[in-house]
N, C-alpha and C. Protein backbone atom coordinates (compact mmCIF):
# COMPACT_ATOMS: atom_id res chain seq x y z
N MET A 1 4.54 -27.61 108.75
CA MET A 1 5.52 -27.36 109.65
C MET A 1 6.11 -28.74 109.17
N LEU A 2 5.12 -29.98 109.19
CA LEU A 2 5.64 -31.56 109.02
C LEU A 2 5.88 -31.93 107.80
N GLU A 3 5.60 -30.97 106.90
CA GLU A 3 6.09 -30.96 105.91
C GLU A 3 7.32 -30.79 105.42
N ASN A 4 7.68 -29.36 105.91
CA ASN A 4 8.96 -29.42 106.03
C ASN A 4 10.35 -30.06 106.64
N PHE A 5 9.58 -30.36 107.71
CA PHE A 5 10.43 -31.46 108.53
C PHE A 5 11.00 -32.38 107.51
N TRP A 6 9.59 -33.50 106.83
CA TRP A 6 10.31 -34.41 106.30
C TRP A 6 10.99 -34.14 105.28
N PHE A 7 11.00 -32.64 104.69
CA PHE A 7 11.59 -32.06 103.05
C PHE A 7 13.04 -32.20 103.51
N ASN A 8 12.85 -31.66 104.66
CA ASN A 8 14.42 -31.54 105.09
C ASN A 8 15.64 -32.88 105.35
N VAL A 9 14.73 -33.62 106.14
CA VAL A 9 14.98 -35.06 106.52
C VAL A 9 15.05 -36.33 105.37
N GLU A 10 14.30 -36.10 104.11
CA GLU A 10 14.68 -36.76 102.93
C GLU A 10 15.39 -35.60 102.34
N TYR A 11 16.06 -34.78 102.35
CA TYR A 11 16.99 -34.02 101.38
C TYR A 11 18.25 -34.79 101.95
N GLY A 12 18.13 -35.10 103.22
CA GLY A 12 19.92 -35.42 104.30
C GLY A 12 19.85 -37.09 103.72
N ILE A 13 18.45 -37.72 103.55
CA ILE A 13 18.60 -39.06 103.03
C ILE A 13 19.45 -39.15 101.88
N ASN A 14 19.08 -38.20 100.83
CA ASN A 14 18.92 -38.10 99.70
C ASN A 14 20.45 -37.74 99.07
N HIS A 15 20.92 -37.12 99.98
CA HIS A 15 22.07 -36.05 99.93
C HIS A 15 23.48 -37.81 99.59
N VAL A 16 22.70 -38.51 100.73
CA VAL A 16 23.87 -39.79 100.97
C VAL A 16 23.69 -40.68 99.89
N LEU A 17 22.27 -40.80 99.54
CA LEU A 17 22.15 -42.34 98.70
C LEU A 17 21.93 -41.35 97.20
N ASP A 18 22.67 -40.44 96.73
CA ASP A 18 22.39 -40.15 95.58
C ASP A 18 23.28 -40.81 94.44
N ILE A 19 23.38 -41.27 93.39
CA ILE A 19 24.30 -42.36 92.96
C ILE A 19 25.29 -41.41 92.25
N ASN A 20 25.09 -40.33 92.17
CA ASN A 20 26.17 -39.74 91.08
C ASN A 20 26.98 -38.93 92.30
N ALA A 21 26.65 -39.14 93.66
CA ALA A 21 27.75 -38.50 94.27
C ALA A 21 28.15 -39.59 95.50
N TYR A 22 28.41 -40.61 94.93
CA TYR A 22 28.77 -42.05 95.90
C TYR A 22 30.19 -42.17 96.57
N ASP A 23 30.67 -40.73 96.75
CA ASP A 23 31.77 -40.65 97.48
C ASP A 23 31.67 -41.04 99.29
N HIS A 24 30.11 -40.60 99.77
CA HIS A 24 29.68 -40.56 100.76
C HIS A 24 29.55 -42.76 101.30
N VAL A 25 28.91 -42.69 100.28
CA VAL A 25 28.39 -44.56 100.19
C VAL A 25 29.88 -44.85 100.49
N LEU A 26 30.72 -44.69 99.58
CA LEU A 26 32.41 -45.38 99.50
C LEU A 26 32.93 -45.29 100.57
N PHE A 27 32.99 -44.05 101.54
CA PHE A 27 33.51 -44.16 102.64
C PHE A 27 32.76 -45.17 103.98
N LEU A 28 31.28 -45.03 103.71
CA LEU A 28 30.86 -45.77 104.66
C LEU A 28 31.00 -47.24 104.48
N ILE A 29 31.34 -48.18 103.50
CA ILE A 29 31.67 -48.71 102.78
C ILE A 29 32.69 -49.37 103.60
N SER A 30 33.86 -48.60 103.30
CA SER A 30 35.31 -48.51 103.68
C SER A 30 35.23 -48.80 105.55
N LEU A 31 34.02 -47.86 105.97
CA LEU A 31 34.21 -47.68 107.57
C LEU A 31 33.86 -48.81 108.08
N THR A 32 32.71 -49.44 107.51
CA THR A 32 31.75 -50.30 107.81
C THR A 32 32.47 -52.02 107.49
N VAL A 33 33.14 -52.34 106.32
CA VAL A 33 33.36 -53.87 106.13
C VAL A 33 34.37 -54.44 106.86
N PRO A 34 35.11 -54.06 107.70
CA PRO A 34 35.71 -54.88 108.77
C PRO A 34 34.83 -55.48 110.01
N TYR A 35 33.66 -55.01 110.35
CA TYR A 35 32.71 -55.13 111.39
C TYR A 35 31.51 -56.43 110.96
N ALA A 36 31.13 -56.66 112.08
CA ALA A 36 29.92 -57.76 111.63
C ALA A 36 28.78 -57.16 112.73
N PHE A 37 27.76 -57.87 112.77
CA PHE A 37 26.46 -57.62 113.41
C PHE A 37 26.77 -57.44 114.70
N LYS A 38 27.56 -58.42 115.67
CA LYS A 38 27.51 -58.41 116.78
C LYS A 38 28.43 -56.87 117.60
N ASP A 39 29.23 -56.34 116.41
CA ASP A 39 29.68 -54.95 116.47
C ASP A 39 29.28 -53.85 116.76
N TRP A 40 27.98 -53.99 116.38
CA TRP A 40 26.82 -52.88 116.14
C TRP A 40 26.85 -51.73 116.78
N LYS A 41 27.20 -51.92 118.46
CA LYS A 41 27.46 -50.73 119.05
C LYS A 41 28.65 -49.69 118.35
N ARG A 42 29.66 -50.50 118.26
CA ARG A 42 31.07 -49.60 118.00
C ARG A 42 30.63 -49.34 116.19
N VAL A 43 30.18 -49.69 115.96
CA VAL A 43 29.60 -49.48 114.20
C VAL A 43 28.84 -48.28 114.07
N LEU A 44 27.80 -48.02 115.07
CA LEU A 44 26.79 -47.05 115.49
C LEU A 44 27.55 -45.88 116.18
N LEU A 45 28.54 -46.13 116.82
CA LEU A 45 29.41 -44.93 117.32
C LEU A 45 30.22 -44.40 116.12
N LEU A 46 30.54 -44.97 115.45
CA LEU A 46 31.75 -44.44 114.58
C LEU A 46 30.94 -43.68 113.51
N VAL A 47 29.72 -44.17 112.98
CA VAL A 47 28.88 -43.83 112.16
C VAL A 47 28.25 -42.22 112.43
N SER A 48 28.08 -42.47 113.58
CA SER A 48 27.67 -41.06 114.25
C SER A 48 28.64 -40.15 114.42
N MET A 49 29.88 -40.39 114.91
CA MET A 49 31.20 -39.49 114.99
C MET A 49 30.98 -38.66 113.54
N PHE A 50 30.94 -39.66 112.14
CA PHE A 50 31.33 -39.23 111.31
C PHE A 50 29.59 -37.80 110.87
N THR A 51 28.81 -38.47 111.06
CA THR A 51 27.39 -37.18 111.04
C THR A 51 27.60 -35.90 111.94
N LEU A 52 28.33 -36.70 113.16
CA LEU A 52 28.78 -34.94 113.90
C LEU A 52 29.68 -34.18 113.44
N GLY A 53 30.87 -34.72 112.52
CA GLY A 53 31.89 -33.93 111.91
C GLY A 53 30.78 -33.40 110.80
N HIS A 54 30.22 -34.20 109.83
CA HIS A 54 29.62 -33.90 108.83
C HIS A 54 28.86 -32.29 108.78
N THR A 55 28.28 -32.25 110.07
CA THR A 55 27.28 -32.00 111.08
C THR A 55 27.82 -30.20 111.21
N LEU A 56 28.95 -30.35 111.67
CA LEU A 56 29.50 -29.44 112.54
C LEU A 56 30.36 -28.52 111.53
N SER A 57 31.05 -29.18 110.56
CA SER A 57 31.10 -28.59 109.50
C SER A 57 30.06 -27.96 108.61
N LEU A 58 28.71 -27.98 108.74
CA LEU A 58 28.12 -27.86 107.74
C LEU A 58 27.31 -26.05 108.59
N VAL A 59 27.74 -26.80 110.46
CA VAL A 59 27.56 -25.43 111.19
C VAL A 59 28.72 -24.37 110.72
N LEU A 60 29.45 -24.61 110.99
CA LEU A 60 31.29 -23.56 110.59
C LEU A 60 31.02 -22.71 109.56
N ALA A 61 30.31 -23.71 108.15
CA ALA A 61 29.68 -23.15 107.27
C ALA A 61 28.59 -22.30 106.82
N ALA A 62 27.49 -22.35 107.35
CA ALA A 62 26.26 -22.00 107.15
C ALA A 62 26.87 -20.82 107.63
N TYR A 63 27.42 -20.59 109.61
CA TYR A 63 27.31 -19.59 110.07
C TYR A 63 28.44 -18.59 109.27
N ASN A 64 29.02 -18.22 108.67
CA ASN A 64 30.06 -18.04 107.88
C ASN A 64 31.24 -18.01 108.57
N ILE A 65 31.38 -18.86 109.75
CA ILE A 65 32.83 -19.17 110.06
C ILE A 65 34.05 -19.67 109.55
N VAL A 66 33.94 -20.41 108.77
CA VAL A 66 34.88 -21.06 107.60
C VAL A 66 34.38 -21.01 106.52
N SER A 67 35.17 -20.73 105.43
CA SER A 67 34.91 -20.45 103.65
C SER A 67 35.90 -21.21 103.37
N ILE A 68 35.58 -22.20 102.56
CA ILE A 68 36.11 -23.48 101.83
C ILE A 68 36.54 -22.85 100.72
N ASN A 69 37.75 -23.87 100.31
CA ASN A 69 38.28 -24.04 98.69
C ASN A 69 38.02 -25.47 98.09
N VAL A 70 36.78 -25.41 97.21
CA VAL A 70 35.92 -26.09 96.83
C VAL A 70 36.89 -27.28 96.34
N GLN A 71 37.97 -26.69 95.36
CA GLN A 71 38.38 -27.96 94.78
C GLN A 71 39.70 -28.89 95.68
N LEU A 72 39.77 -28.04 96.85
CA LEU A 72 41.09 -28.70 97.90
C LEU A 72 39.84 -29.62 98.44
N VAL A 73 38.66 -29.62 99.14
CA VAL A 73 37.88 -30.41 99.79
C VAL A 73 37.33 -31.44 98.48
N GLU A 74 37.09 -30.97 97.50
CA GLU A 74 37.00 -32.37 96.92
C GLU A 74 37.96 -33.06 96.26
N PHE A 75 39.06 -32.66 96.57
CA PHE A 75 40.31 -33.75 95.98
C PHE A 75 40.57 -34.38 97.78
N LEU A 76 40.02 -34.13 98.76
CA LEU A 76 40.64 -34.47 100.45
C LEU A 76 39.55 -35.51 100.28
N ILE A 77 37.76 -35.53 100.21
CA ILE A 77 37.23 -36.09 100.39
C ILE A 77 37.59 -37.83 99.87
N PRO A 78 38.05 -37.70 98.80
CA PRO A 78 38.52 -39.14 97.77
C PRO A 78 40.01 -39.56 99.03
N VAL A 79 40.64 -38.75 98.96
CA VAL A 79 41.87 -39.14 100.23
C VAL A 79 41.07 -39.99 101.28
N THR A 80 40.00 -39.14 101.80
CA THR A 80 39.77 -39.81 103.21
C THR A 80 39.13 -41.40 102.77
N ILE A 81 38.69 -41.30 101.88
CA ILE A 81 38.00 -42.70 101.48
C ILE A 81 39.19 -43.52 101.34
N LEU A 82 39.92 -43.20 100.59
CA LEU A 82 41.63 -43.95 100.43
C LEU A 82 42.11 -44.43 101.50
N ILE A 83 42.49 -43.19 102.59
CA ILE A 83 43.37 -43.76 103.58
C ILE A 83 42.13 -45.08 104.37
N VAL A 84 41.04 -44.75 104.75
CA VAL A 84 40.23 -45.67 105.00
C VAL A 84 40.55 -47.44 104.46
N ALA A 85 40.40 -47.20 103.08
CA ALA A 85 40.43 -48.35 102.50
C ALA A 85 41.45 -49.36 102.83
N VAL A 86 42.46 -48.44 102.79
CA VAL A 86 44.14 -48.79 102.71
C VAL A 86 44.49 -49.43 104.12
N TYR A 87 43.92 -48.95 104.56
CA TYR A 87 43.98 -49.05 106.18
C TYR A 87 43.66 -50.22 106.34
N ASN A 88 41.94 -50.58 106.01
CA ASN A 88 41.87 -51.92 105.80
C ASN A 88 42.36 -53.03 105.86
N VAL A 89 42.88 -52.73 103.90
CA VAL A 89 43.67 -53.69 103.84
C VAL A 89 44.77 -53.64 103.93
N LEU A 90 45.93 -52.90 104.88
CA LEU A 90 47.26 -53.23 105.89
C LEU A 90 46.88 -53.82 107.19
N THR A 91 45.55 -53.90 107.56
CA THR A 91 45.33 -54.30 108.86
C THR A 91 44.06 -55.62 108.59
N ALA A 92 43.78 -56.52 107.65
CA ALA A 92 42.79 -57.45 107.25
C ALA A 92 43.37 -58.18 108.47
N GLY A 93 42.17 -59.00 109.04
CA GLY A 93 42.95 -60.26 109.70
C GLY A 93 43.73 -59.83 111.21
N LYS A 94 43.62 -58.27 111.25
CA LYS A 94 44.72 -58.68 112.48
C LYS A 94 44.42 -58.05 113.70
N GLY A 95 42.62 -57.91 113.22
CA GLY A 95 41.91 -57.84 114.61
C GLY A 95 42.07 -55.87 114.82
N ALA A 96 42.70 -55.27 113.82
CA ALA A 96 42.83 -53.42 113.98
C ALA A 96 41.07 -52.78 114.60
N GLN A 97 40.28 -53.71 114.07
CA GLN A 97 39.15 -52.60 114.39
C GLN A 97 38.43 -53.12 116.03
N LYS A 98 39.39 -53.98 116.58
CA LYS A 98 38.92 -54.35 118.10
C LYS A 98 39.65 -53.45 118.98
N GLU A 99 41.07 -52.70 118.17
CA GLU A 99 41.93 -51.55 119.21
C GLU A 99 40.12 -50.46 120.01
N ARG A 100 41.11 -50.24 121.25
CA ARG A 100 40.48 -48.81 121.66
C ARG A 100 39.59 -47.90 120.91
N VAL A 101 38.96 -47.27 121.37
CA VAL A 101 38.54 -46.27 120.99
C VAL A 101 39.33 -44.95 119.86
N GLY A 102 40.25 -44.42 121.07
CA GLY A 102 41.07 -43.32 120.68
C GLY A 102 40.89 -43.23 119.14
N ILE A 103 41.92 -43.23 118.37
CA ILE A 103 42.30 -42.61 117.13
C ILE A 103 41.19 -42.89 116.03
N LEU A 104 41.09 -44.36 115.75
CA LEU A 104 39.80 -44.22 114.76
C LEU A 104 38.41 -43.29 115.19
N PHE A 105 38.08 -43.15 116.28
CA PHE A 105 36.60 -42.07 116.51
C PHE A 105 37.42 -40.76 116.39
N PHE A 106 38.92 -40.62 116.41
CA PHE A 106 38.65 -39.24 116.25
C PHE A 106 38.91 -38.52 114.66
N THR A 107 39.56 -39.86 114.25
CA THR A 107 39.63 -39.93 112.71
C THR A 107 38.56 -39.85 111.74
N THR A 108 37.40 -40.48 112.43
CA THR A 108 36.48 -40.66 111.69
C THR A 108 35.53 -38.97 112.20
N LEU A 109 35.70 -38.50 113.01
CA LEU A 109 35.29 -37.48 113.29
C LEU A 109 35.79 -36.41 112.47
N PHE A 110 37.03 -36.16 112.30
CA PHE A 110 38.19 -35.35 111.32
C PHE A 110 37.44 -35.54 109.80
N PHE A 111 37.30 -36.53 109.15
CA PHE A 111 36.80 -37.21 107.82
C PHE A 111 35.53 -36.46 107.75
N GLY A 112 34.86 -36.75 109.11
CA GLY A 112 33.30 -36.37 108.44
C GLY A 112 33.33 -34.67 108.50
N LEU A 113 34.10 -33.88 109.24
CA LEU A 113 34.62 -32.72 108.94
C LEU A 113 34.63 -31.98 107.69
N ILE A 114 35.56 -32.91 106.77
CA ILE A 114 35.70 -32.60 105.67
C ILE A 114 34.94 -32.95 104.69
N HIS A 115 34.14 -33.93 105.04
CA HIS A 115 32.84 -34.48 104.19
C HIS A 115 31.88 -33.34 104.04
N GLY A 116 31.70 -32.87 105.21
CA GLY A 116 30.30 -31.81 105.38
C GLY A 116 30.93 -30.76 104.45
N LEU A 117 31.96 -30.27 104.59
CA LEU A 117 32.64 -28.83 104.00
C LEU A 117 32.09 -29.24 102.41
N GLY A 118 32.62 -30.27 102.23
CA GLY A 118 31.80 -30.74 100.64
C GLY A 118 30.51 -30.67 100.18
N PHE A 119 29.62 -30.72 101.00
CA PHE A 119 28.35 -30.31 101.03
C PHE A 119 28.11 -28.75 101.61
N ALA A 120 28.55 -28.03 101.94
CA ALA A 120 28.47 -26.48 102.30
C ALA A 120 28.09 -25.50 101.38
N ARG A 121 28.34 -25.44 100.26
CA ARG A 121 27.77 -24.37 99.16
C ARG A 121 26.27 -25.45 98.99
N GLU A 122 25.88 -26.51 98.67
CA GLU A 122 25.02 -27.01 98.27
C GLU A 122 23.64 -26.60 99.70
N PHE A 123 24.20 -26.99 100.70
CA PHE A 123 23.66 -26.59 101.97
C PHE A 123 22.95 -25.35 102.42
N LYS A 124 24.00 -24.31 101.94
CA LYS A 124 23.71 -22.93 101.81
C LYS A 124 22.25 -22.71 100.76
N MET A 125 22.92 -23.11 99.62
CA MET A 125 21.81 -22.96 98.56
C MET A 125 20.35 -23.53 99.60
N LEU A 126 20.72 -24.61 99.83
CA LEU A 126 18.87 -24.98 100.60
C LEU A 126 18.23 -24.12 101.64
N LEU A 127 19.20 -23.88 102.43
CA LEU A 127 18.85 -22.89 103.59
C LEU A 127 18.47 -21.26 103.09
N GLY A 128 18.76 -20.83 101.87
CA GLY A 128 18.47 -19.70 101.53
C GLY A 128 18.37 -18.44 102.41
N ASP A 129 17.19 -17.81 102.76
CA ASP A 129 17.32 -17.18 103.58
C ASP A 129 16.67 -17.30 105.20
N SER A 130 16.70 -18.39 105.20
CA SER A 130 15.69 -19.59 106.44
C SER A 130 16.56 -18.82 107.89
N ASP A 131 15.53 -18.69 108.56
CA ASP A 131 15.91 -17.75 110.13
C ASP A 131 16.09 -19.34 111.10
N ASN A 132 16.17 -20.24 110.30
CA ASN A 132 15.88 -21.69 111.27
C ASN A 132 17.12 -22.26 111.03
N THR A 133 18.12 -21.59 110.85
CA THR A 133 19.56 -22.62 110.55
C THR A 133 19.47 -23.73 111.26
N LEU A 134 19.86 -23.72 112.74
CA LEU A 134 19.73 -24.99 113.72
C LEU A 134 18.65 -26.00 112.99
N VAL A 135 17.56 -25.89 112.86
CA VAL A 135 16.62 -26.68 112.98
C VAL A 135 17.05 -27.39 111.71
N LEU A 136 16.94 -26.38 110.67
CA LEU A 136 17.13 -27.35 109.42
C LEU A 136 18.40 -28.45 109.49
N LEU A 137 19.50 -27.68 110.24
CA LEU A 137 20.85 -28.71 110.25
C LEU A 137 19.93 -29.79 110.87
N LEU A 138 19.78 -29.78 112.30
CA LEU A 138 19.37 -31.37 112.64
C LEU A 138 18.09 -31.80 112.05
N GLU A 139 17.29 -31.44 111.29
CA GLU A 139 16.52 -32.10 110.71
C GLU A 139 17.44 -32.90 109.06
N PHE A 140 18.29 -32.17 108.81
CA PHE A 140 19.33 -32.67 107.34
C PHE A 140 19.82 -33.73 107.80
N ALA A 141 20.55 -33.46 109.43
CA ALA A 141 21.53 -34.47 110.03
C ALA A 141 20.77 -35.58 110.15
N LEU A 142 19.41 -35.66 110.86
CA LEU A 142 18.90 -36.81 110.95
C LEU A 142 18.80 -37.46 109.82
N GLY A 143 18.46 -37.27 108.71
CA GLY A 143 18.26 -37.79 107.50
C GLY A 143 19.63 -38.25 107.18
N ILE A 144 20.70 -37.78 107.37
CA ILE A 144 21.95 -37.89 106.82
C ILE A 144 22.16 -39.32 107.72
N GLU A 145 21.84 -39.52 108.87
CA GLU A 145 21.84 -40.48 109.87
C GLU A 145 21.03 -41.37 109.30
N ILE A 146 19.86 -41.36 109.32
CA ILE A 146 18.76 -42.25 108.63
C ILE A 146 19.40 -43.18 107.44
N SER A 147 19.99 -42.45 106.59
CA SER A 147 20.38 -43.04 105.55
C SER A 147 21.82 -44.05 105.69
N GLN A 148 22.50 -43.32 106.75
CA GLN A 148 23.70 -43.93 106.93
C GLN A 148 23.64 -45.55 107.39
N ILE A 149 22.62 -45.72 108.11
CA ILE A 149 22.45 -46.65 109.08
C ILE A 149 21.65 -47.69 107.84
N ILE A 150 20.99 -46.97 107.16
CA ILE A 150 20.44 -48.19 106.15
C ILE A 150 22.14 -49.00 105.41
N ILE A 151 22.52 -47.93 104.91
CA ILE A 151 24.05 -48.40 103.91
C ILE A 151 24.65 -49.41 104.57
N VAL A 152 25.15 -48.98 106.11
CA VAL A 152 25.65 -49.66 106.89
C VAL A 152 25.17 -51.61 107.52
N PHE A 153 23.49 -51.21 107.72
CA PHE A 153 22.90 -52.25 107.39
C PHE A 153 23.20 -53.46 106.35
N MET A 154 23.40 -52.57 104.95
CA MET A 154 23.13 -53.28 104.31
C MET A 154 24.71 -54.01 103.93
N VAL A 155 25.84 -53.49 104.04
CA VAL A 155 27.24 -53.61 104.34
C VAL A 155 27.37 -55.00 105.42
N LEU A 156 26.87 -54.73 106.45
CA LEU A 156 26.94 -55.66 107.24
C LEU A 156 26.56 -56.61 106.78
N PHE A 157 25.18 -56.87 106.32
CA PHE A 157 24.29 -57.80 105.74
C PHE A 157 24.65 -58.73 104.84
N LEU A 158 25.70 -58.06 104.00
CA LEU A 158 26.36 -58.28 102.39
C LEU A 158 27.52 -59.04 103.39
N GLY A 159 28.01 -58.68 104.33
CA GLY A 159 29.27 -59.48 104.98
C GLY A 159 29.02 -60.93 105.69
N TYR A 160 27.76 -60.53 106.37
CA TYR A 160 27.28 -61.90 106.77
C TYR A 160 26.90 -62.86 105.48
N LEU A 161 26.34 -62.25 104.65
CA LEU A 161 26.00 -63.48 103.39
C LEU A 161 27.43 -63.91 102.60
N GLY A 162 28.52 -63.14 102.58
CA GLY A 162 29.76 -63.52 102.09
C GLY A 162 30.24 -64.09 102.97
N GLN A 163 29.87 -64.42 104.14
CA GLN A 163 30.95 -65.11 104.80
C GLN A 163 30.69 -66.03 105.43
N THR A 164 28.79 -66.12 105.14
CA THR A 164 28.42 -67.58 105.84
C THR A 164 27.93 -68.36 104.85
N ILE A 165 27.32 -68.03 103.56
CA ILE A 165 26.75 -68.89 102.88
C ILE A 165 27.99 -69.08 101.33
N PHE A 166 28.91 -67.52 101.51
CA PHE A 166 29.65 -67.83 100.04
C PHE A 166 31.12 -68.37 100.71
N ARG A 167 31.16 -68.58 101.96
CA ARG A 167 32.34 -68.88 102.69
C ARG A 167 33.75 -67.97 102.53
N PHE A 168 33.24 -66.83 102.04
CA PHE A 168 34.61 -65.91 102.21
C PHE A 168 35.47 -66.18 103.74
N SER A 169 36.32 -66.03 103.98
CA SER A 169 37.03 -65.51 105.50
C SER A 169 36.76 -63.97 105.76
N LYS A 170 36.83 -63.48 106.60
CA LYS A 170 36.61 -62.40 107.27
C LYS A 170 37.72 -61.30 106.36
N ARG A 171 38.79 -61.85 106.98
CA ARG A 171 40.11 -61.35 105.85
C ARG A 171 40.13 -60.87 104.57
N ASP A 172 39.48 -62.19 103.70
CA ASP A 172 39.12 -62.06 102.24
C ASP A 172 37.89 -61.42 102.14
N TRP A 173 36.93 -61.16 103.02
CA TRP A 173 35.62 -59.74 102.51
C TRP A 173 36.76 -58.49 102.45
N ILE A 174 37.24 -58.31 103.90
CA ILE A 174 37.75 -57.21 103.99
C ILE A 174 38.48 -56.38 102.57
N LEU A 175 39.62 -57.31 102.52
CA LEU A 175 40.48 -57.18 101.34
C LEU A 175 39.65 -56.99 100.06
N VAL A 176 38.78 -57.90 99.50
CA VAL A 176 37.95 -57.73 98.30
C VAL A 176 37.34 -56.21 98.48
N ILE A 177 36.38 -56.29 99.16
CA ILE A 177 35.94 -55.12 99.09
C ILE A 177 36.22 -53.56 99.33
N SER A 178 37.26 -54.16 100.39
CA SER A 178 38.56 -52.67 100.14
C SER A 178 39.03 -52.50 98.93
N SER A 179 39.64 -53.11 98.59
CA SER A 179 40.45 -53.12 97.19
C SER A 179 39.05 -52.92 95.77
N VAL A 180 38.24 -52.88 95.87
CA VAL A 180 37.39 -52.26 94.80
C VAL A 180 37.06 -51.35 95.44
N VAL A 181 36.61 -50.78 96.33
CA VAL A 181 36.79 -49.41 97.19
C VAL A 181 37.63 -48.44 96.55
N ILE A 182 39.29 -48.74 96.67
CA ILE A 182 40.45 -48.28 96.24
C ILE A 182 40.29 -47.83 94.88
N GLY A 183 40.02 -49.15 93.86
CA GLY A 183 39.54 -49.09 92.57
C GLY A 183 39.04 -47.70 92.27
N LEU A 184 37.58 -47.90 92.72
CA LEU A 184 36.97 -47.25 92.46
C LEU A 184 37.00 -45.58 92.26
N VAL A 185 37.95 -45.12 93.91
CA VAL A 185 38.34 -43.79 94.36
C VAL A 185 39.14 -43.39 93.32
N ILE A 186 40.38 -43.97 93.09
CA ILE A 186 41.65 -43.41 92.82
C ILE A 186 41.17 -42.74 91.18
N PRO A 187 39.72 -43.03 90.71
CA PRO A 187 40.05 -42.32 89.60
C PRO A 187 39.35 -40.83 89.74
N MET A 188 38.52 -40.75 90.93
CA MET A 188 37.81 -39.21 91.37
C MET A 188 39.35 -38.84 91.86
N LEU A 189 40.32 -38.99 92.39
CA LEU A 189 41.15 -38.44 92.62
C LEU A 189 41.91 -37.70 91.70
N HIS A 190 42.06 -38.60 90.33
CA HIS A 190 42.65 -38.48 89.21
C HIS A 190 41.92 -37.41 88.54
N ASN A 191 40.67 -37.17 88.84
CA ASN A 191 39.79 -36.32 87.84
C ASN A 191 39.96 -35.14 88.67
N SER A 192 40.12 -34.91 89.79
CA SER A 192 40.09 -33.69 90.69
C SER A 192 40.32 -32.54 89.98
N ASP A 193 40.05 -31.72 89.74
CA ASP A 193 40.21 -29.98 90.05
C ASP A 193 41.04 -29.51 90.19
N PHE A 194 41.58 -29.75 91.55
CA PHE A 194 42.92 -29.36 92.58
C PHE A 194 44.20 -29.92 91.87
N LEU A 195 44.18 -30.72 91.49
CA LEU A 195 45.44 -31.86 90.96
C LEU A 195 45.32 -30.93 89.48
N SER A 196 44.59 -30.47 88.56
CA SER A 196 44.68 -29.87 87.41
C SER A 196 45.55 -28.46 86.98
């Protein structure tokens, strides 16, 4: 039982930290880069909203409530990353990350739904004929949350180093990192089967 639990949690961790599927990491970088350690509650809430969206779409797919066009979802995932990164560039230094919960959290939840649909097919294969769908989903979601917290911590830590040791202004840090993300995500859009 414990062996299965760890397998499923580890599967969730590896899903996010897979170097060949770095879209999840790029989204988390874009989501986190405008913040500092002192904003940890807000960042944790944002990341949890993303996990919730991701998990909800897996539930909907696992119980065959929704069916997905894989090419469309694989196109929409980089679009979500691009939207967040461009938003960062446009609002860098303007304190936009301090705004009330509102649209940012709902957008993150919605983007989580899209990212979860991107993994639904693989998750169904992991699920197989298991009758413990909900337990498997929760264990998998726990693994995702753990890996996301690791990534968020690394982004916040690198931001701290960049802004204290290397004297980047917060605005410049957001602009540079978000621009790098945009540069990485544009080829993903270009290579999408949806546009072919």
